[in-house]
Each structure stands twice: as structure tokens, then as C-alpha cells.
Amino acid sequence: MPITKSAQKAQRQNIRRRKRNLLEKKKMFSSIKDFKKLVAAGDAKAGERLSSLYKTIDKAKKTKLIKRGKANRLKSRLTKKLRAGSEERKS
């Protein structure tokens, strides 16, 4: 347990930040999951949803919730999934 007052305050801040970070991360990954379901169902709204998903991922990257490379990789894979899904519907 922290002894000094400043260490106690730092511990309280860390707990609050951890809760907020976990909540934001959960929101991001649940929105990714929803997007993948839309693509699998062949829904036309998936394309519109991609831009909002980009915004969510970029915000997570900006706040250092996820690393830059992971954000870029996620965006790339989601775009690829959307394109593959739209090509299947054309065929």
C-alpha cells in the first residue's frame, strides 16, 4: 500500500484511468465486432460505418490506448474485409 499522500492520490488516479481505458477499449472492440457482422451479412451500411470506426480507432491511438501500428493494422484489415465483402456481392 502507498504510504505518502501523493502516492495514495496517484493510486486513485490510476484506478480511475484504468476503468476509463478498459471501457473505451471495450467500446472500440465491440464496434469492430458489430462492423464485422454487418460485412458478413452483406449490409450496405457497413461502408458508412467504416468512417466512424476509423474515427474511433484514431482516437484510441491518439490517447495511447492502442499503439500506432495496431491502429493502422486494424484499419487496413477492416478495409480489406469490407472490399472483399463487396466483391462477393458483385459476383
PDB file of N, CA and C in Angstrom:
ATOM      1  N   MET A   1       0.834  -1.186   0.000  1.00  0.00           N
ATOM      2  CA  MET A   1       0.000   0.000   0.000  1.00  0.00           C
ATOM      3  C   MET A   1       0.881   1.254   0.000  1.00  0.00           C
ATOM      4  N   PRO A   2       0.420   2.276  -0.695  1.00  0.00           N
ATOM      5  CA  PRO A   2       1.190   3.522  -0.717  1.00  0.00           C
ATOM      6  C   PRO A   2       1.179   4.204   0.659  1.00  0.00           C
ATOM      7  N   ILE A   3       2.278   4.823   0.954  1.00  0.00           N
ATOM      8  CA  ILE A   3       2.417   5.436   2.270  1.00  0.00           C
ATOM      9  C   ILE A   3       2.138   6.935   2.213  1.00  0.00           C
ATOM     10  N   THR A   4       2.784   7.633   1.310  1.00  0.00           N
ATOM     11  CA  THR A   4       2.614   9.089   1.245  1.00  0.00           C
ATOM     12  C   THR A   4       1.276   9.469   0.613  1.00  0.00           C
ATOM     13  N   LYS A   5       0.853  10.700   0.898  1.00  0.00           N
ATOM     14  CA  LYS A   5      -0.426  11.163   0.355  1.00  0.00           C
ATOM     15  C   LYS A   5      -0.374  11.232  -1.167  1.00  0.00           C
ATOM     16  N   SER A   6       0.748  11.644  -1.703  1.00  0.00           N
ATOM     17  CA  SER A   6       0.857  11.770  -3.156  1.00  0.00           C
ATOM     18  C   SER A   6       0.790  10.393  -3.827  1.00  0.00           C
ATOM     19  N   ALA A   7       1.362   9.387  -3.165  1.00  0.00           N
ATOM     20  CA  ALA A   7       1.303   8.030  -3.712  1.00  0.00           C
ATOM     21  C   ALA A   7      -0.112   7.478  -3.640  1.00  0.00           C
ATOM     22  N   GLN A   8      -0.843   7.833  -2.572  1.00  0.00           N
ATOM     23  CA  GLN A   8      -2.232   7.400  -2.453  1.00  0.00           C
ATOM     24  C   GLN A   8      -3.096   8.034  -3.541  1.00  0.00           C
ATOM     25  N   LYS A   9      -2.859   9.317  -3.790  1.00  0.00           N
ATOM     26  CA  LYS A   9      -3.608  10.012  -4.832  1.00  0.00           C
ATOM     27  C   LYS A   9      -3.285   9.426  -6.208  1.00  0.00           C
ATOM     28  N   ALA A  10      -2.014   9.146  -6.439  1.00  0.00           N
ATOM     29  CA  ALA A  10      -1.603   8.556  -7.716  1.00  0.00           C
ATOM     30  C   ALA A  10      -2.279   7.207  -7.926  1.00  0.00           C
ATOM     31  N   GLN A  11      -2.401   6.441  -6.856  1.00  0.00           N
ATOM     32  CA  GLN A  11      -3.064   5.143  -6.963  1.00  0.00           C
ATOM     33  C   GLN A  11      -4.548   5.313  -7.311  1.00  0.00           C
ATOM     34  N   ARG A  12      -5.213   6.281  -6.694  1.00  0.00           N
ATOM     35  CA  ARG A  12      -6.622   6.554  -7.011  1.00  0.00           C
ATOM     36  C   ARG A  12      -6.772   6.969  -8.477  1.00  0.00           C
ATOM     37  N   GLN A  13      -5.855   7.810  -8.945  1.00  0.00           N
ATOM     38  CA  GLN A  13      -5.908   8.253 -10.348  1.00  0.00           C
ATOM     39  C   GLN A  13      -5.707   7.080 -11.294  1.00  0.00           C
ATOM     40  N   ASN A  14      -4.769   6.207 -10.957  1.00  0.00           N
ATOM     41  CA  ASN A  14      -4.505   5.048 -11.806  1.00  0.00           C
ATOM     42  C   ASN A  14      -5.717   4.135 -11.903  1.00  0.00           C
ATOM     43  N   ILE A  15      -6.412   3.955 -10.802  1.00  0.00           N
ATOM     44  CA  ILE A  15      -7.612   3.103 -10.793  1.00  0.00           C
ATOM     45  C   ILE A  15      -8.686   3.709 -11.689  1.00  0.00           C
ATOM     46  N   ARG A  16      -8.896   5.032 -11.553  1.00  0.00           N
ATOM     47  CA  ARG A  16      -9.902   5.717 -12.374  1.00  0.00           C
ATOM     48  C   ARG A  16      -9.545   5.630 -13.853  1.00  0.00           C
ATOM     49  N   ARG A  17      -8.291   5.871 -14.169  1.00  0.00           N
ATOM     50  CA  ARG A  17      -7.853   5.839 -15.570  1.00  0.00           C
ATOM     51  C   ARG A  17      -7.970   4.440 -16.154  1.00  0.00           C
ATOM     52  N   ARG A  18      -7.630   3.444 -15.360  1.00  0.00           N
ATOM     53  CA  ARG A  18      -7.721   2.065 -15.836  1.00  0.00           C
ATOM     54  C   ARG A  18      -9.164   1.705 -16.186  1.00  0.00           C
ATOM     55  N   LYS A  19     -10.099   2.091 -15.323  1.00  0.00           N
ATOM     56  CA  LYS A  19     -11.513   1.817 -15.598  1.00  0.00           C
ATOM     57  C   LYS A  19     -11.954   2.488 -16.890  1.00  0.00           C
ATOM     58  N   ARG A  20     -11.574   3.757 -17.057  1.00  0.00           N
ATOM     59  CA  ARG A  20     -11.965   4.503 -18.249  1.00  0.00           C
ATOM     60  C   ARG A  20     -11.329   3.895 -19.496  1.00  0.00           C
ATOM     61  N   ASN A  21     -10.052   3.529 -19.402  1.00  0.00           N
ATOM     62  CA  ASN A  21      -9.355   2.939 -20.550  1.00  0.00           C
ATOM     63  C   ASN A  21      -9.971   1.603 -20.949  1.00  0.00           C
ATOM     64  N   LEU A  22     -10.290   0.773 -19.954  1.00  0.00           N
ATOM     65  CA  LEU A  22     -10.903  -0.516 -20.262  1.00  0.00           C
ATOM     66  C   LEU A  22     -12.265  -0.345 -20.912  1.00  0.00           C
ATOM     67  N   LEU A  23     -13.023   0.650 -20.451  1.00  0.00           N
ATOM     68  CA  LEU A  23     -14.337   0.924 -21.021  1.00  0.00           C
ATOM     69  C   LEU A  23     -14.206   1.382 -22.479  1.00  0.00           C
ATOM     70  N   GLU A  24     -13.273   2.283 -22.737  1.00  0.00           N
ATOM     71  CA  GLU A  24     -13.060   2.777 -24.105  1.00  0.00           C
ATOM     72  C   GLU A  24     -12.591   1.657 -25.031  1.00  0.00           C
ATOM     73  N   LYS A  25     -11.704   0.818 -24.512  1.00  0.00           N
ATOM     74  CA  LYS A  25     -11.193  -0.295 -25.312  1.00  0.00           C
ATOM     75  C   LYS A  25     -12.317  -1.273 -25.645  1.00  0.00           C
ATOM     76  N   LYS A  26     -13.164  -1.533 -24.659  1.00  0.00           N
ATOM     77  CA  LYS A  26     -14.290  -2.445 -24.860  1.00  0.00           C
ATOM     78  C   LYS A  26     -15.251  -1.883 -25.910  1.00  0.00           C
ATOM     79  N   LYS A  27     -15.532  -0.569 -25.839  1.00  0.00           N
ATOM     80  CA  LYS A  27     -16.396   0.074 -26.823  1.00  0.00           C
ATOM     81  C   LYS A  27     -15.820  -0.058 -28.229  1.00  0.00           C
ATOM     82  N   MET A  28     -14.509   0.180 -28.341  1.00  0.00           N
ATOM     83  CA  MET A  28     -13.861   0.117 -29.644  1.00  0.00           C
ATOM     84  C   MET A  28     -13.964  -1.287 -30.236  1.00  0.00           C
ATOM     85  N   PHE A  29     -13.641  -2.291 -29.445  1.00  0.00           N
ATOM     86  CA  PHE A  29     -13.642  -3.645 -29.978  1.00  0.00           C
ATOM     87  C   PHE A  29     -15.055  -4.174 -30.213  1.00  0.00           C
ATOM     88  N   SER A  30     -16.030  -3.697 -29.440  1.00  0.00           N
ATOM     89  CA  SER A  30     -17.404  -4.112 -29.718  1.00  0.00           C
ATOM     90  C   SER A  30     -17.915  -3.470 -31.000  1.00  0.00           C
ATOM     91  N   SER A  31     -17.484  -2.233 -31.293  1.00  0.00           N
ATOM     92  CA  SER A  31     -17.893  -1.603 -32.544  1.00  0.00           C
ATOM     93  C   SER A  31     -17.225  -2.286 -33.732  1.00  0.00           C
ATOM     94  N   ILE A  32     -16.000  -2.765 -33.550  1.00  0.00           N
ATOM     95  CA  ILE A  32     -15.326  -3.531 -34.607  1.00  0.00           C
ATOM     96  C   ILE A  32     -16.089  -4.830 -34.860  1.00  0.00           C
ATOM     97  N   LYS A  33     -16.519  -5.468 -33.782  1.00  0.00           N
ATOM     98  CA  LYS A  33     -17.271  -6.719 -33.898  1.00  0.00           C
ATOM     99  C   LYS A  33     -18.588  -6.488 -34.641  1.00  0.00           C
ATOM    100  N   ASP A  34     -19.275  -5.388 -34.311  1.00  0.00           N
ATOM    101  CA  ASP A  34     -20.529  -5.052 -34.998  1.00  0.00           C
ATOM    102  C   ASP A  34     -20.290  -4.803 -36.481  1.00  0.00           C
ATOM    103  N   PHE A  35     -19.189  -4.122 -36.800  1.00  0.00           N
ATOM    104  CA  PHE A  35     -18.851  -3.854 -38.197  1.00  0.00           C
ATOM    105  C   PHE A  35     -18.622  -5.153 -38.959  1.00  0.00           C
ATOM    106  N   LYS A  36     -17.913  -6.075 -38.336  1.00  0.00           N
ATOM    107  CA  LYS A  36     -17.647  -7.360 -38.992  1.00  0.00           C
ATOM    108  C   LYS A  36     -18.944  -8.124 -39.245  1.00  0.00           C
ATOM    109  N   LYS A  37     -19.896  -8.018 -38.313  1.00  0.00           N
ATOM    110  CA  LYS A  37     -21.193  -8.672 -38.509  1.00  0.00           C
ATOM    111  C   LYS A  37     -21.942  -8.049 -39.686  1.00  0.00           C
ATOM    112  N   LEU A  38     -21.868  -6.719 -39.804  1.00  0.00           N
ATOM    113  CA  LEU A  38     -22.512  -6.034 -40.926  1.00  0.00           C
ATOM    114  C   LEU A  38     -21.920  -6.476 -42.258  1.00  0.00           C
ATOM    115  N   VAL A  39     -20.605  -6.584 -42.299  1.00  0.00           N
ATOM    116  CA  VAL A  39     -19.927  -7.004 -43.530  1.00  0.00           C
ATOM    117  C   VAL A  39     -20.312  -8.440 -43.875  1.00  0.00           C
ATOM    118  N   ALA A  40     -20.342  -9.302 -42.872  1.00  0.00           N
ATOM    119  CA  ALA A  40     -20.698 -10.701 -43.107  1.00  0.00           C
ATOM    120  C   ALA A  40     -22.132 -10.836 -43.602  1.00  0.00           C
ATOM    121  N   ALA A  41     -23.012  -9.960 -43.109  1.00  0.00           N
ATOM    122  CA  ALA A  41     -24.409 -10.003 -43.529  1.00  0.00           C
ATOM    123  C   ALA A  41     -24.610  -9.359 -44.899  1.00  0.00           C
ATOM    124  N   GLY A  42     -23.601  -8.655 -45.374  1.00  0.00           N
ATOM    125  CA  GLY A  42     -23.704  -8.001 -46.677  1.00  0.00           C
ATOM    126  C   GLY A  42     -24.521  -6.727 -46.622  1.00  0.00           C
ATOM    127  N   ASP A  43     -24.545  -6.088 -45.470  1.00  0.00           N
ATOM    128  CA  ASP A  43     -25.321  -4.860 -45.292  1.00  0.00           C
ATOM    129  C   ASP A  43     -24.616  -3.684 -45.962  1.00  0.00           C
ATOM    130  N   ALA A  44     -25.384  -2.817 -46.613  1.00  0.00           N
ATOM    131  CA  ALA A  44     -24.817  -1.658 -47.310  1.00  0.00           C
ATOM    132  C   ALA A  44     -24.348  -0.585 -46.331  1.00  0.00           C
ATOM    133  N   LYS A  45     -24.835  -0.627 -45.100  1.00  0.00           N
ATOM    134  CA  LYS A  45     -24.458   0.373 -44.101  1.00  0.00           C
ATOM    135  C   LYS A  45     -23.030   0.189 -43.597  1.00  0.00           C
ATOM    136  N   ALA A  46     -22.407  -0.920 -43.946  1.00  0.00           N
ATOM    137  CA  ALA A  46     -21.052  -1.201 -43.469  1.00  0.00           C
ATOM    138  C   ALA A  46     -20.070  -0.149 -43.972  1.00  0.00           C
ATOM    139  N   GLY A  47     -20.249   0.310 -45.200  1.00  0.00           N
ATOM    140  CA  GLY A  47     -19.361   1.335 -45.761  1.00  0.00           C
ATOM    141  C   GLY A  47     -19.456   2.642 -45.012  1.00  0.00           C
ATOM    142  N   GLU A  48     -20.670   3.025 -44.629  1.00  0.00           N
ATOM    143  CA  GLU A  48     -20.872   4.250 -43.859  1.00  0.00           C
ATOM    144  C   GLU A  48     -20.288   4.098 -42.462  1.00  0.00           C
ATOM    145  N   ARG A  49     -20.379   2.918 -41.948  1.00  0.00           N
ATOM    146  CA  ARG A  49     -19.911   2.638 -40.584  1.00  0.00           C
ATOM    147  C   ARG A  49     -18.385   2.679 -40.488  1.00  0.00           C
ATOM    148  N   LEU A  50     -17.716   2.422 -41.617  1.00  0.00           N
ATOM    149  CA  LEU A  50     -16.251   2.356 -41.607  1.00  0.00           C
ATOM    150  C   LEU A  50     -15.621   3.684 -41.204  1.00  0.00           C
ATOM    151  N   SER A  51     -16.166   4.802 -41.679  1.00  0.00           N
ATOM    152  CA  SER A  51     -15.574   6.102 -41.347  1.00  0.00           C
ATOM    153  C   SER A  51     -15.690   6.399 -39.858  1.00  0.00           C
ATOM    154  N   SER A  52     -16.815   6.051 -39.244  1.00  0.00           N
ATOM    155  CA  SER A  52     -16.951   6.273 -37.803  1.00  0.00           C
ATOM    156  C   SER A  52     -16.026   5.335 -37.028  1.00  0.00           C
ATOM    157  N   LEU A  53     -15.808   4.164 -37.586  1.00  0.00           N
ATOM    158  CA  LEU A  53     -14.897   3.212 -36.955  1.00  0.00           C
ATOM    159  C   LEU A  53     -13.455   3.722 -37.024  1.00  0.00           C
ATOM    160  N   TYR A  54     -13.097   4.325 -38.163  1.00  0.00           N
ATOM    161  CA  TYR A  54     -11.775   4.946 -38.300  1.00  0.00           C
ATOM    162  C   TYR A  54     -11.580   6.018 -37.231  1.00  0.00           C
ATOM    163  N   LYS A  55     -12.608   6.816 -37.022  1.00  0.00           N
ATOM    164  CA  LYS A  55     -12.542   7.886 -36.036  1.00  0.00           C
ATOM    165  C   LYS A  55     -12.313   7.309 -34.642  1.00  0.00           C
ATOM    166  N   THR A  56     -13.017   6.242 -34.325  1.00  0.00           N
ATOM    167  CA  THR A  56     -12.881   5.600 -33.017  1.00  0.00           C
ATOM    168  C   THR A  56     -11.475   5.045 -32.822  1.00  0.00           C
ATOM    169  N   ILE A  57     -10.956   4.395 -33.864  1.00  0.00           N
ATOM    170  CA  ILE A  57      -9.618   3.806 -33.781  1.00  0.00           C
ATOM    171  C   ILE A  57      -8.560   4.897 -33.665  1.00  0.00           C
ATOM    172  N   ASP A  58      -8.712   5.972 -34.442  1.00  0.00           N
ATOM    173  CA  ASP A  58      -7.746   7.070 -34.383  1.00  0.00           C
ATOM    174  C   ASP A  58      -7.743   7.757 -33.021  1.00  0.00           C
ATOM    175  N   LYS A  59      -8.914   7.872 -32.418  1.00  0.00           N
ATOM    176  CA  LYS A  59      -8.989   8.481 -31.092  1.00  0.00           C
ATOM    177  C   LYS A  59      -8.301   7.593 -30.059  1.00  0.00           C
ATOM    178  N   ALA A  60      -8.479   6.284 -30.192  1.00  0.00           N
ATOM    179  CA  ALA A  60      -7.807   5.350 -29.274  1.00  0.00           C
ATOM    180  C   ALA A  60      -6.298   5.424 -29.447  1.00  0.00           C
ATOM    181  N   LYS A  61      -5.868   5.619 -30.688  1.00  0.00           N
ATOM    182  CA  LYS A  61      -4.435   5.753 -30.962  1.00  0.00           C
ATOM    183  C   LYS A  61      -3.905   7.054 -30.361  1.00  0.00           C
ATOM    184  N   LYS A  62      -4.673   8.128 -30.522  1.00  0.00           N
ATOM    185  CA  LYS A  62      -4.264   9.443 -30.039  1.00  0.00           C
ATOM    186  C   LYS A  62      -4.113   9.459 -28.523  1.00  0.00           C
ATOM    187  N   THR A  63      -5.005   8.781 -27.826  1.00  0.00           N
ATOM    188  CA  THR A  63      -4.950   8.743 -26.368  1.00  0.00           C
ATOM    189  C   THR A  63      -4.050   7.617 -25.858  1.00  0.00           C
ATOM    190  N   LYS A  64      -3.333   6.982 -26.790  1.00  0.00           N
ATOM    191  CA  LYS A  64      -2.375   5.913 -26.472  1.00  0.00           C
ATOM    192  C   LYS A  64      -3.038   4.705 -25.815  1.00  0.00           C
ATOM    193  N   LEU A  65      -4.288   4.476 -26.196  1.00  0.00           N
ATOM    194  CA  LEU A  65      -4.996   3.298 -25.728  1.00  0.00           C
ATOM    195  C   LEU A  65      -4.487   2.077 -26.476  1.00  0.00           C
ATOM    196  N   ILE A  66      -4.200   2.278 -27.779  1.00  0.00           N
ATOM    197  CA  ILE A  66      -3.553   1.247 -28.586  1.00  0.00           C
ATOM    198  C   ILE A  66      -2.385   1.893 -29.310  1.00  0.00           C
ATOM    199  N   LYS A  67      -1.451   1.073 -29.752  1.00  0.00           N
ATOM    200  CA  LYS A  67      -0.271   1.604 -30.426  1.00  0.00           C
ATOM    201  C   LYS A  67      -0.579   1.978 -31.864  1.00  0.00           C
ATOM    202  N   ARG A  68       0.271   2.815 -32.434  1.00  0.00           N
ATOM    203  CA  ARG A  68       0.081   3.320 -33.793  1.00  0.00           C
ATOM    204  C   ARG A  68       0.024   2.196 -34.811  1.00  0.00           C
ATOM    205  N   GLY A  69       0.921   1.238 -34.693  1.00  0.00           N
ATOM    206  CA  GLY A  69       0.951   0.129 -35.640  1.00  0.00           C
ATOM    207  C   GLY A  69      -0.306  -0.721 -35.578  1.00  0.00           C
ATOM    208  N   LYS A  70      -0.792  -0.953 -34.379  1.00  0.00           N
ATOM    209  CA  LYS A  70      -2.009  -1.747 -34.220  1.00  0.00           C
ATOM    210  C   LYS A  70      -3.200  -1.027 -34.835  1.00  0.00           C
ATOM    211  N   ALA A  71      -3.259   0.290 -34.648  1.00  0.00           N
ATOM    212  CA  ALA A  71      -4.356   1.071 -35.221  1.00  0.00           C
ATOM    213  C   ALA A  71      -4.322   0.980 -36.747  1.00  0.00           C
ATOM    214  N   ASN A  72      -3.151   1.155 -37.316  1.00  0.00           N
ATOM    215  CA  ASN A  72      -3.016   1.079 -38.769  1.00  0.00           C
ATOM    216  C   ASN A  72      -3.364  -0.314 -39.291  1.00  0.00           C
ATOM    217  N   ARG A  73      -2.943  -1.320 -38.569  1.00  0.00           N
ATOM    218  CA  ARG A  73      -3.220  -2.701 -38.964  1.00  0.00           C
ATOM    219  C   ARG A  73      -4.721  -2.991 -38.912  1.00  0.00           C
ATOM    220  N   LEU A  74      -5.378  -2.521 -37.850  1.00  0.00           N
ATOM    221  CA  LEU A  74      -6.823  -2.713 -37.722  1.00  0.00           C
ATOM    222  C   LEU A  74      -7.567  -2.044 -38.876  1.00  0.00           C
ATOM    223  N   LYS A  75      -7.213  -0.792 -39.160  1.00  0.00           N
ATOM    224  CA  LYS A  75      -7.895  -0.068 -40.227  1.00  0.00           C
ATOM    225  C   LYS A  75      -7.689  -0.751 -41.571  1.00  0.00           C
ATOM    226  N   SER A  76      -6.482  -1.219 -41.807  1.00  0.00           N
ATOM    227  CA  SER A  76      -6.170  -1.886 -43.068  1.00  0.00           C
ATOM    228  C   SER A  76      -6.976  -3.173 -43.211  1.00  0.00           C
ATOM    229  N   ARG A  77      -7.013  -3.962 -42.174  1.00  0.00           N
ATOM    230  CA  ARG A  77      -7.722  -5.243 -42.235  1.00  0.00           C
ATOM    231  C   ARG A  77      -9.229  -5.061 -42.366  1.00  0.00           C
ATOM    232  N   LEU A  78      -9.761  -4.046 -41.692  1.00  0.00           N
ATOM    233  CA  LEU A  78     -11.198  -3.798 -41.788  1.00  0.00           C
ATOM    234  C   LEU A  78     -11.586  -3.327 -43.187  1.00  0.00           C
ATOM    235  N   THR A  79     -10.738  -2.485 -43.779  1.00  0.00           N
ATOM    236  CA  THR A  79     -10.998  -2.021 -45.145  1.00  0.00           C
ATOM    237  C   THR A  79     -10.933  -3.182 -46.118  1.00  0.00           C
ATOM    238  N   LYS A  80      -9.947  -4.031 -45.920  1.00  0.00           N
ATOM    239  CA  LYS A  80      -9.797  -5.203 -46.790  1.00  0.00           C
ATOM    240  C   LYS A  80     -11.009  -6.113 -46.671  1.00  0.00           C
ATOM    241  N   LYS A  81     -11.509  -6.282 -45.459  1.00  0.00           N
ATOM    242  CA  LYS A  81     -12.684  -7.124 -45.227  1.00  0.00           C
ATOM    243  C   LYS A  81     -13.913  -6.540 -45.918  1.00  0.00           C
ATOM    244  N   LEU A  82     -14.053  -5.214 -45.858  1.00  0.00           N
ATOM    245  CA  LEU A  82     -15.184  -4.555 -46.499  1.00  0.00           C
ATOM    246  C   LEU A  82     -15.120  -4.725 -48.015  1.00  0.00           C
ATOM    247  N   ARG A  83     -13.937  -4.536 -48.583  1.00  0.00           N
ATOM    248  CA  ARG A  83     -13.779  -4.686 -50.037  1.00  0.00           C
ATOM    249  C   ARG A  83     -14.049  -6.114 -50.486  1.00  0.00           C
ATOM    250  N   ALA A  84     -13.564  -7.082 -49.710  1.00  0.00           N
ATOM    251  CA  ALA A  84     -13.798  -8.488 -50.052  1.00  0.00           C
ATOM    252  C   ALA A  84     -15.289  -8.808 -49.992  1.00  0.00           C
ATOM    253  N   GLY A  85     -15.970  -8.244 -49.021  1.00  0.00           N
ATOM    254  CA  GLY A  85     -17.396  -8.470 -48.869  1.00  0.00           C
ATOM    255  C   GLY A  85     -18.194  -7.855 -50.011  1.00  0.00           C
ATOM    256  N   SER A  86     -17.762  -6.669 -50.456  1.00  0.00           N
ATOM    257  CA  SER A  86     -18.488  -6.013 -51.553  1.00  0.00           C
ATOM    258  C   SER A  86     -18.226  -6.718 -52.890  1.00  0.00           C
ATOM    259  N   GLU A  87     -17.048  -7.284 -53.064  1.00  0.00           N
ATOM    260  CA  GLU A  87     -16.736  -8.015 -54.291  1.00  0.00           C
ATOM    261  C   GLU A  87     -17.533  -9.319 -54.363  1.00  0.00           C
ATOM    262  N   GLU A  88     -17.775  -9.938 -53.215  1.00  0.00           N
ATOM    263  CA  GLU A  88     -18.575 -11.178 -53.187  1.00  0.00           C
ATOM    264  C   GLU A  88     -20.011 -10.883 -53.621  1.00  0.00           C
ATOM    265  N   ARG A  89     -20.536  -9.733 -53.204  1.00  0.00           N
ATOM    266  CA  ARG A  89     -21.910  -9.397 -53.574  1.00  0.00           C
ATOM    267  C   ARG A  89     -22.028  -9.098 -55.062  1.00  0.00           C
ATOM    268  N   LYS A  90     -20.964  -8.553 -55.665  1.00  0.00           N
ATOM    269  CA  LYS A  90     -20.994  -8.254 -57.106  1.00  0.00           C
ATOM    270  C   LYS A  90     -20.973  -9.507 -57.945  1.00  0.00           C
ATOM    271  N   SER A  91     -20.272 -10.531 -57.463  1.00  0.00           N
ATOM    272  CA  SER A  91     -20.133 -11.783 -58.241  1.00  0.00           C
ATOM    273  C   SER A  91     -21.373 -12.604 -58.245  1.00  0.00           C
TER     274      SER A  91
END
